[in-house]
Amino acid sequence: MIKFLKNLFNGFIIAGIIIFLIGVDYWMFRAGLPYQDPPMDLQIQYAIDQGIGDTLMSVGFEVGIIGVVSRIVTAIVSRRKVKQA
């Protein structure tokens, strides 16, 4: 059961990193730097892409942190079980 949880939480860590990197892609490369005086449709598209990037980066960071904290808790619990046995 502990091995299953470790693999599950490793998956959370990897998923968090991937989601975060996709957010960075949206934030830096798709939104990029806006033109100096862009037309309204480009301003709207820039705002949408930047919002998507911000959301993905924050969700990816949160999922990664949840995975790391859960993995640490699982490691502590498994060490206590080994010492008690």
PDB file of N, CA and C in Angstrom:
ATOM      1  N   MET A   1       0.820  -1.197   0.000  1.00  0.00           N
ATOM      2  CA  MET A   1       0.000   0.000   0.000  1.00  0.00           C
ATOM      3  C   MET A   1       0.863   1.260   0.000  1.00  0.00           C
ATOM      4  N   ILE A   2       1.950   1.240   0.765  1.00  0.00           N
ATOM      5  CA  ILE A   2       2.847   2.393   0.827  1.00  0.00           C
ATOM      6  C   ILE A   2       3.505   2.612  -0.541  1.00  0.00           C
ATOM      7  N   LYS A   3       3.871   1.516  -1.222  1.00  0.00           N
ATOM      8  CA  LYS A   3       4.499   1.646  -2.540  1.00  0.00           C
ATOM      9  C   LYS A   3       3.520   2.275  -3.534  1.00  0.00           C
ATOM     10  N   PHE A   4       2.252   1.881  -3.459  1.00  0.00           N
ATOM     11  CA  PHE A   4       1.229   2.469  -4.325  1.00  0.00           C
ATOM     12  C   PHE A   4       1.099   3.970  -4.069  1.00  0.00           C
ATOM     13  N   LEU A   5       1.082   4.356  -2.790  1.00  0.00           N
ATOM     14  CA  LEU A   5       0.967   5.777  -2.456  1.00  0.00           C
ATOM     15  C   LEU A   5       2.193   6.563  -2.916  1.00  0.00           C
ATOM     16  N   LYS A   6       3.376   5.979  -2.773  1.00  0.00           N
ATOM     17  CA  LYS A   6       4.588   6.657  -3.234  1.00  0.00           C
ATOM     18  C   LYS A   6       4.525   6.901  -4.737  1.00  0.00           C
ATOM     19  N   ASN A   7       4.093   5.880  -5.485  1.00  0.00           N
ATOM     20  CA  ASN A   7       3.979   6.046  -6.935  1.00  0.00           C
ATOM     21  C   ASN A   7       2.910   7.070  -7.297  1.00  0.00           C
ATOM     22  N   LEU A   8       1.810   7.079  -6.565  1.00  0.00           N
ATOM     23  CA  LEU A   8       0.744   8.040  -6.812  1.00  0.00           C
ATOM     24  C   LEU A   8       1.235   9.467  -6.573  1.00  0.00           C
ATOM     25  N   PHE A   9       1.933   9.683  -5.477  1.00  0.00           N
ATOM     26  CA  PHE A   9       2.421  11.022  -5.158  1.00  0.00           C
ATOM     27  C   PHE A   9       3.555  11.446  -6.086  1.00  0.00           C
ATOM     28  N   ASN A  10       4.353  10.485  -6.570  1.00  0.00           N
ATOM     29  CA  ASN A  10       5.349  10.816  -7.592  1.00  0.00           C
ATOM     30  C   ASN A  10       4.652  11.289  -8.869  1.00  0.00           C
ATOM     31  N   GLY A  11       3.517  10.674  -9.175  1.00  0.00           N
ATOM     32  CA  GLY A  11       2.727  11.116 -10.318  1.00  0.00           C
ATOM     33  C   GLY A  11       2.215  12.532 -10.141  1.00  0.00           C
ATOM     34  N   PHE A  12       1.813  12.885  -8.911  1.00  0.00           N
ATOM     35  CA  PHE A  12       1.385  14.262  -8.634  1.00  0.00           C
ATOM     36  C   PHE A  12       2.540  15.237  -8.855  1.00  0.00           C
ATOM     37  N   ILE A  13       3.727  14.869  -8.426  1.00  0.00           N
ATOM     38  CA  ILE A  13       4.890  15.742  -8.595  1.00  0.00           C
ATOM     39  C   ILE A  13       5.183  15.951 -10.080  1.00  0.00           C
ATOM     40  N   ILE A  14       5.183  14.860 -10.837  1.00  0.00           N
ATOM     41  CA  ILE A  14       5.469  14.962 -12.270  1.00  0.00           C
ATOM     42  C   ILE A  14       4.377  15.759 -12.979  1.00  0.00           C
ATOM     43  N   ALA A  15       3.112  15.508 -12.628  1.00  0.00           N
ATOM     44  CA  ALA A  15       2.008  16.249 -13.244  1.00  0.00           C
ATOM     45  C   ALA A  15       2.110  17.741 -12.918  1.00  0.00           C
ATOM     46  N   GLY A  16       2.479  18.067 -11.682  1.00  0.00           N
ATOM     47  CA  GLY A  16       2.642  19.464 -11.304  1.00  0.00           C
ATOM     48  C   GLY A  16       3.726  20.155 -12.103  1.00  0.00           C
ATOM     49  N   ILE A  17       4.836  19.466 -12.317  1.00  0.00           N
ATOM     50  CA  ILE A  17       5.929  20.040 -13.099  1.00  0.00           C
ATOM     51  C   ILE A  17       5.498  20.259 -14.542  1.00  0.00           C
ATOM     52  N   ILE A  18       4.802  19.278 -15.120  1.00  0.00           N
ATOM     53  CA  ILE A  18       4.363  19.400 -16.509  1.00  0.00           C
ATOM     54  C   ILE A  18       3.357  20.529 -16.667  1.00  0.00           C
ATOM     55  N   ILE A  19       2.388  20.612 -15.762  1.00  0.00           N
ATOM     56  CA  ILE A  19       1.389  21.688 -15.835  1.00  0.00           C
ATOM     57  C   ILE A  19       2.056  23.043 -15.658  1.00  0.00           C
ATOM     58  N   PHE A  20       3.008  23.135 -14.747  1.00  0.00           N
ATOM     59  CA  PHE A  20       3.731  24.393 -14.536  1.00  0.00           C
ATOM     60  C   PHE A  20       4.486  24.809 -15.798  1.00  0.00           C
ATOM     61  N   LEU A  21       5.148  23.859 -16.444  1.00  0.00           N
ATOM     62  CA  LEU A  21       5.903  24.175 -17.651  1.00  0.00           C
ATOM     63  C   LEU A  21       4.993  24.577 -18.809  1.00  0.00           C
ATOM     64  N   ILE A  22       3.821  23.968 -18.909  1.00  0.00           N
ATOM     65  CA  ILE A  22       2.853  24.386 -19.924  1.00  0.00           C
ATOM     66  C   ILE A  22       2.399  25.813 -19.640  1.00  0.00           C
ATOM     67  N   GLY A  23       2.212  26.145 -18.370  1.00  0.00           N
ATOM     68  CA  GLY A  23       1.860  27.514 -18.001  1.00  0.00           C
ATOM     69  C   GLY A  23       2.947  28.503 -18.359  1.00  0.00           C
ATOM     70  N   VAL A  24       4.191  28.125 -18.151  1.00  0.00           N
ATOM     71  CA  VAL A  24       5.311  28.997 -18.527  1.00  0.00           C
ATOM     72  C   VAL A  24       5.325  29.196 -20.041  1.00  0.00           C
ATOM     73  N   ASP A  25       5.031  28.125 -20.780  1.00  0.00           N
ATOM     74  CA  ASP A  25       4.959  28.230 -22.238  1.00  0.00           C
ATOM     75  C   ASP A  25       3.890  29.239 -22.660  1.00  0.00           C
ATOM     76  N   TYR A  26       2.711  29.134 -22.084  1.00  0.00           N
ATOM     77  CA  TYR A  26       1.654  30.091 -22.406  1.00  0.00           C
ATOM     78  C   TYR A  26       2.041  31.507 -22.002  1.00  0.00           C
ATOM     79  N   TRP A  27       2.608  31.645 -20.834  1.00  0.00           N
ATOM     80  CA  TRP A  27       2.898  32.970 -20.284  1.00  0.00           C
ATOM     81  C   TRP A  27       4.023  33.664 -21.049  1.00  0.00           C
ATOM     82  N   MET A  28       5.078  32.915 -21.412  1.00  0.00           N
ATOM     83  CA  MET A  28       6.245  33.539 -22.029  1.00  0.00           C
ATOM     84  C   MET A  28       6.194  33.524 -23.552  1.00  0.00           C
ATOM     85  N   PHE A  29       5.798  32.389 -24.137  1.00  0.00           N
ATOM     86  CA  PHE A  29       5.948  32.243 -25.581  1.00  0.00           C
ATOM     87  C   PHE A  29       4.663  32.539 -26.347  1.00  0.00           C
ATOM     88  N   ARG A  30       3.533  32.104 -25.838  1.00  0.00           N
ATOM     89  CA  ARG A  30       2.288  32.375 -26.555  1.00  0.00           C
ATOM     90  C   ARG A  30       1.819  33.799 -26.318  1.00  0.00           C
ATOM     91  N   ALA A  31       1.853  34.249 -25.075  1.00  0.00           N
ATOM     92  CA  ALA A  31       1.472  35.640 -24.809  1.00  0.00           C
ATOM     93  C   ALA A  31       2.618  36.564 -25.227  1.00  0.00           C
ATOM     94  N   GLY A  32       3.823  36.245 -24.797  1.00  0.00           N
ATOM     95  CA  GLY A  32       4.988  37.022 -25.179  1.00  0.00           C
ATOM     96  C   GLY A  32       4.899  38.475 -24.758  1.00  0.00           C
ATOM     97  N   LEU A  33       5.660  39.296 -25.433  1.00  0.00           N
ATOM     98  CA  LEU A  33       5.625  40.732 -25.185  1.00  0.00           C
ATOM     99  C   LEU A  33       4.612  41.352 -26.149  1.00  0.00           C
ATOM    100  N   PRO A  34       3.721  42.158 -25.646  1.00  0.00           N
ATOM    101  CA  PRO A  34       2.739  42.771 -26.550  1.00  0.00           C
ATOM    102  C   PRO A  34       3.390  43.866 -27.398  1.00  0.00           C
ATOM    103  N   TYR A  35       2.753  44.135 -28.506  1.00  0.00           N
ATOM    104  CA  TYR A  35       3.216  45.248 -29.343  1.00  0.00           C
ATOM    105  C   TYR A  35       3.040  46.556 -28.583  1.00  0.00           C
ATOM    106  N   GLN A  36       3.699  47.601 -29.074  1.00  0.00           N
ATOM    107  CA  GLN A  36       3.631  48.879 -28.375  1.00  0.00           C
ATOM    108  C   GLN A  36       2.210  49.453 -28.392  1.00  0.00           C
ATOM    109  N   ASP A  37       1.581  49.502 -29.546  1.00  0.00           N
ATOM    110  CA  ASP A  37       0.198  49.974 -29.670  1.00  0.00           C
ATOM    111  C   ASP A  37      -0.620  48.930 -30.435  1.00  0.00           C
ATOM    112  N   PRO A  38      -0.935  47.807 -29.791  1.00  0.00           N
ATOM    113  CA  PRO A  38      -1.631  46.751 -30.525  1.00  0.00           C
ATOM    114  C   PRO A  38      -3.115  47.097 -30.722  1.00  0.00           C
ATOM    115  N   PRO A  39      -3.716  46.507 -31.756  1.00  0.00           N
ATOM    116  CA  PRO A  39      -5.159  46.664 -31.902  1.00  0.00           C
ATOM    117  C   PRO A  39      -5.889  45.934 -30.785  1.00  0.00           C
ATOM    118  N   MET A  40      -7.159  46.222 -30.640  1.00  0.00           N
ATOM    119  CA  MET A  40      -7.939  45.684 -29.523  1.00  0.00           C
ATOM    120  C   MET A  40      -7.975  44.156 -29.530  1.00  0.00           C
ATOM    121  N   ASP A  41      -8.094  43.524 -30.696  1.00  0.00           N
ATOM    122  CA  ASP A  41      -8.167  42.061 -30.721  1.00  0.00           C
ATOM    123  C   ASP A  41      -6.868  41.420 -30.251  1.00  0.00           C
ATOM    124  N   LEU A  42      -5.722  42.026 -30.541  1.00  0.00           N
ATOM    125  CA  LEU A  42      -4.452  41.496 -30.035  1.00  0.00           C
ATOM    126  C   LEU A  42      -4.307  41.722 -28.531  1.00  0.00           C
ATOM    127  N   GLN A  43      -4.823  42.828 -28.031  1.00  0.00           N
ATOM    128  CA  GLN A  43      -4.806  43.064 -26.584  1.00  0.00           C
ATOM    129  C   GLN A  43      -5.646  42.019 -25.868  1.00  0.00           C
ATOM    130  N   ILE A  44      -6.784  41.692 -26.439  1.00  0.00           N
ATOM    131  CA  ILE A  44      -7.666  40.690 -25.832  1.00  0.00           C
ATOM    132  C   ILE A  44      -6.991  39.324 -25.858  1.00  0.00           C
ATOM    133  N   GLN A  45      -6.398  38.958 -26.990  1.00  0.00           N
ATOM    134  CA  GLN A  45      -5.728  37.662 -27.095  1.00  0.00           C
ATOM    135  C   GLN A  45      -4.540  37.577 -26.137  1.00  0.00           C
ATOM    136  N   TYR A  46      -3.798  38.665 -25.992  1.00  0.00           N
ATOM    137  CA  TYR A  46      -2.672  38.693 -25.058  1.00  0.00           C
ATOM    138  C   TYR A  46      -3.156  38.491 -23.628  1.00  0.00           C
ATOM    139  N   ALA A  47      -4.242  39.171 -23.260  1.00  0.00           N
ATOM    140  CA  ALA A  47      -4.788  39.043 -21.906  1.00  0.00           C
ATOM    141  C   ALA A  47      -5.283  37.622 -21.655  1.00  0.00           C
ATOM    142  N   ILE A  48      -5.907  37.011 -22.645  1.00  0.00           N
ATOM    143  CA  ILE A  48      -6.402  35.638 -22.490  1.00  0.00           C
ATOM    144  C   ILE A  48      -5.231  34.679 -22.302  1.00  0.00           C
ATOM    145  N   ASP A  49      -4.217  34.775 -23.177  1.00  0.00           N
ATOM    146  CA  ASP A  49      -3.065  33.873 -23.072  1.00  0.00           C
ATOM    147  C   ASP A  49      -2.304  34.073 -21.768  1.00  0.00           C
ATOM    148  N   GLN A  50      -2.174  35.306 -21.330  1.00  0.00           N
ATOM    149  CA  GLN A  50      -1.487  35.560 -20.069  1.00  0.00           C
ATOM    150  C   GLN A  50      -2.292  35.014 -18.891  1.00  0.00           C
ATOM    151  N   GLY A  51      -3.609  35.144 -18.928  1.00  0.00           N
ATOM    152  CA  GLY A  51      -4.449  34.588 -17.867  1.00  0.00           C
ATOM    153  C   GLY A  51      -4.376  33.074 -17.806  1.00  0.00           C
ATOM    154  N   ILE A  52      -4.373  32.440 -18.987  1.00  0.00           N
ATOM    155  CA  ILE A  52      -4.235  30.974 -19.032  1.00  0.00           C
ATOM    156  C   ILE A  52      -2.890  30.563 -18.454  1.00  0.00           C
ATOM    157  N   GLY A  53      -1.828  31.274 -18.827  1.00  0.00           N
ATOM    158  CA  GLY A  53      -0.492  30.958 -18.304  1.00  0.00           C
ATOM    159  C   GLY A  53      -0.416  31.125 -16.801  1.00  0.00           C
ATOM    160  N   ASP A  54      -0.974  32.204 -16.285  1.00  0.00           N
ATOM    161  CA  ASP A  54      -0.969  32.428 -14.835  1.00  0.00           C
ATOM    162  C   ASP A  54      -1.708  31.324 -14.103  1.00  0.00           C
ATOM    163  N   THR A  55      -2.875  30.951 -14.621  1.00  0.00           N
ATOM    164  CA  THR A  55      -3.676  29.907 -13.979  1.00  0.00           C
ATOM    165  C   THR A  55      -2.958  28.568 -14.008  1.00  0.00           C
ATOM    166  N   LEU A  56      -2.393  28.215 -15.155  1.00  0.00           N
ATOM    167  CA  LEU A  56      -1.695  26.933 -15.258  1.00  0.00           C
ATOM    168  C   LEU A  56      -0.462  26.885 -14.360  1.00  0.00           C
ATOM    169  N   MET A  57       0.265  27.979 -14.279  1.00  0.00           N
ATOM    170  CA  MET A  57       1.441  27.983 -13.401  1.00  0.00           C
ATOM    171  C   MET A  57       1.048  27.830 -11.938  1.00  0.00           C
ATOM    172  N   SER A  58      -0.008  28.501 -11.519  1.00  0.00           N
ATOM    173  CA  SER A  58      -0.403  28.387 -10.112  1.00  0.00           C
ATOM    174  C   SER A  58      -0.955  26.998  -9.806  1.00  0.00           C
ATOM    175  N   VAL A  59      -1.751  26.435 -10.712  1.00  0.00           N
ATOM    176  CA  VAL A  59      -2.283  25.081 -10.485  1.00  0.00           C
ATOM    177  C   VAL A  59      -1.151  24.062 -10.489  1.00  0.00           C
ATOM    178  N   GLY A  60      -0.218  24.196 -11.426  1.00  0.00           N
ATOM    179  CA  GLY A  60       0.923  23.272 -11.471  1.00  0.00           C
ATOM    180  C   GLY A  60       1.776  23.349 -10.218  1.00  0.00           C
ATOM    181  N   PHE A  61       1.994  24.558  -9.720  1.00  0.00           N
ATOM    182  CA  PHE A  61       2.764  24.724  -8.486  1.00  0.00           C
ATOM    183  C   PHE A  61       2.039  24.075  -7.307  1.00  0.00           C
ATOM    184  N   GLU A  62       0.733  24.292  -7.219  1.00  0.00           N
ATOM    185  CA  GLU A  62      -0.038  23.717  -6.115  1.00  0.00           C
ATOM    186  C   GLU A  62      -0.058  22.191  -6.177  1.00  0.00           C
ATOM    187  N   VAL A  63      -0.239  21.629  -7.357  1.00  0.00           N
ATOM    188  CA  VAL A  63      -0.247  20.164  -7.498  1.00  0.00           C
ATOM    189  C   VAL A  63       1.124  19.603  -7.139  1.00  0.00           C
ATOM    190  N   GLY A  64       2.180  20.257  -7.574  1.00  0.00           N
ATOM    191  CA  GLY A  64       3.531  19.807  -7.233  1.00  0.00           C
ATOM    192  C   GLY A  64       3.801  19.859  -5.741  1.00  0.00           C
ATOM    193  N   ILE A  65       3.377  20.930  -5.087  1.00  0.00           N
ATOM    194  CA  ILE A  65       3.578  21.058  -3.638  1.00  0.00           C
ATOM    195  C   ILE A  65       2.772  19.985  -2.894  1.00  0.00           C
ATOM    196  N   ILE A  66       1.546  19.747  -3.333  1.00  0.00           N
ATOM    197  CA  ILE A  66       0.741  18.687  -2.709  1.00  0.00           C
ATOM    198  C   ILE A  66       1.447  17.347  -2.851  1.00  0.00           C
ATOM    199  N   GLY A  67       2.007  17.079  -4.026  1.00  0.00           N
ATOM    200  CA  GLY A  67       2.733  15.829  -4.234  1.00  0.00           C
ATOM    201  C   GLY A  67       3.969  15.718  -3.360  1.00  0.00           C
ATOM    202  N   VAL A  68       4.725  16.799  -3.235  1.00  0.00           N
ATOM    203  CA  VAL A  68       5.955  16.773  -2.430  1.00  0.00           C
ATOM    204  C   VAL A  68       5.626  16.571  -0.951  1.00  0.00           C
ATOM    205  N   VAL A  69       4.648  17.336  -0.448  1.00  0.00           N
ATOM    206  CA  VAL A  69       4.284  17.214   0.968  1.00  0.00           C
ATOM    207  C   VAL A  69       3.729  15.814   1.256  1.00  0.00           C
ATOM    208  N   SER A  70       2.893  15.302   0.377  1.00  0.00           N
ATOM    209  CA  SER A  70       2.338  13.963   0.575  1.00  0.00           C
ATOM    210  C   SER A  70       3.425  12.905   0.515  1.00  0.00           C
ATOM    211  N   ARG A  71       4.397  13.097  -0.366  1.00  0.00           N
ATOM    212  CA  ARG A  71       5.503  12.140  -0.475  1.00  0.00           C
ATOM    213  C   ARG A  71       6.352  12.161   0.793  1.00  0.00           C
ATOM    214  N   ILE A  72       6.575  13.325   1.363  1.00  0.00           N
ATOM    215  CA  ILE A  72       7.344  13.429   2.609  1.00  0.00           C
ATOM    216  C   ILE A  72       6.595  12.756   3.748  1.00  0.00           C
ATOM    217  N   VAL A  73       5.287  12.998   3.838  1.00  0.00           N
ATOM    218  CA  VAL A  73       4.481  12.369   4.895  1.00  0.00           C
ATOM    219  C   VAL A  73       4.491  10.851   4.739  1.00  0.00           C
ATOM    220  N   THR A  74       4.386  10.367   3.505  1.00  0.00           N
ATOM    221  CA  THR A  74       4.418   8.924   3.264  1.00  0.00           C
ATOM    222  C   THR A  74       5.768   8.338   3.664  1.00  0.00           C
ATOM    223  N   ALA A  75       6.851   9.042   3.380  1.00  0.00           N
ATOM    224  CA  ALA A  75       8.182   8.554   3.761  1.00  0.00           C
ATOM    225  C   ALA A  75       8.326   8.493   5.280  1.00  0.00           C
ATOM    226  N   ILE A  76       7.805   9.489   5.986  1.00  0.00           N
ATOM    227  CA  ILE A  76       7.887   9.489   7.447  1.00  0.00           C
ATOM    228  C   ILE A  76       7.069   8.342   8.028  1.00  0.00           C
ATOM    229  N   VAL A  77       5.882   8.141   7.505  1.00  0.00           N
ATOM    230  CA  VAL A  77       5.018   7.056   8.011  1.00  0.00           C
ATOM    231  C   VAL A  77       5.649   5.697   7.735  1.00  0.00           C
ATOM    232  N   SER A  78       6.233   5.516   6.548  1.00  0.00           N
ATOM    233  CA  SER A  78       6.833   4.217   6.238  1.00  0.00           C
ATOM    234  C   SER A  78       8.067   3.954   7.098  1.00  0.00           C
ATOM    235  N   ARG A  79       8.814   4.990   7.461  1.00  0.00           N
ATOM    236  CA  ARG A  79       9.983   4.786   8.331  1.00  0.00           C
ATOM    237  C   ARG A  79       9.539   4.403   9.745  1.00  0.00           C
ATOM    238  N   ARG A  80       8.459   4.984  10.223  1.00  0.00           N
ATOM    239  CA  ARG A  80       7.968   4.641  11.560  1.00  0.00           C
ATOM    240  C   ARG A  80       7.479   3.191  11.594  1.00  0.00           C
ATOM    241  N   LYS A  81       6.847   2.746  10.525  1.00  0.00           N
ATOM    242  CA  LYS A  81       6.383   1.359  10.491  1.00  0.00           C
ATOM    243  C   LYS A  81       7.548   0.378  10.487  1.00  0.00           C
ATOM    244  N   VAL A  82       8.649   0.740   9.793  1.00  0.00           N
ATOM    245  CA  VAL A  82       9.812  -0.123   9.753  1.00  0.00           C
ATOM    246  C   VAL A  82      10.467  -0.189  11.125  1.00  0.00           C
ATOM    247  N   LYS A  83      10.550   0.922  11.857  1.00  0.00           N
ATOM    248  CA  LYS A  83      11.162   0.938  13.181  1.00  0.00           C
ATOM    249  C   LYS A  83      10.338   0.154  14.190  1.00  0.00           C
ATOM    250  N   GLN A  84       9.013   0.180  14.051  1.00  0.00           N
ATOM    251  CA  GLN A  84       8.149  -0.517  14.996  1.00  0.00           C
ATOM    252  C   GLN A  84       8.178  -2.022  14.765  1.00  0.00           C
ATOM    253  N   ALA A  85       8.430  -2.466  13.547  1.00  0.00           N
ATOM    254  CA  ALA A  85       8.378  -3.896  13.230  1.00  0.00           C
ATOM    255  C   ALA A  85       9.569  -4.645  13.744  1.00  0.00           C
TER     256      ALA A  85
END
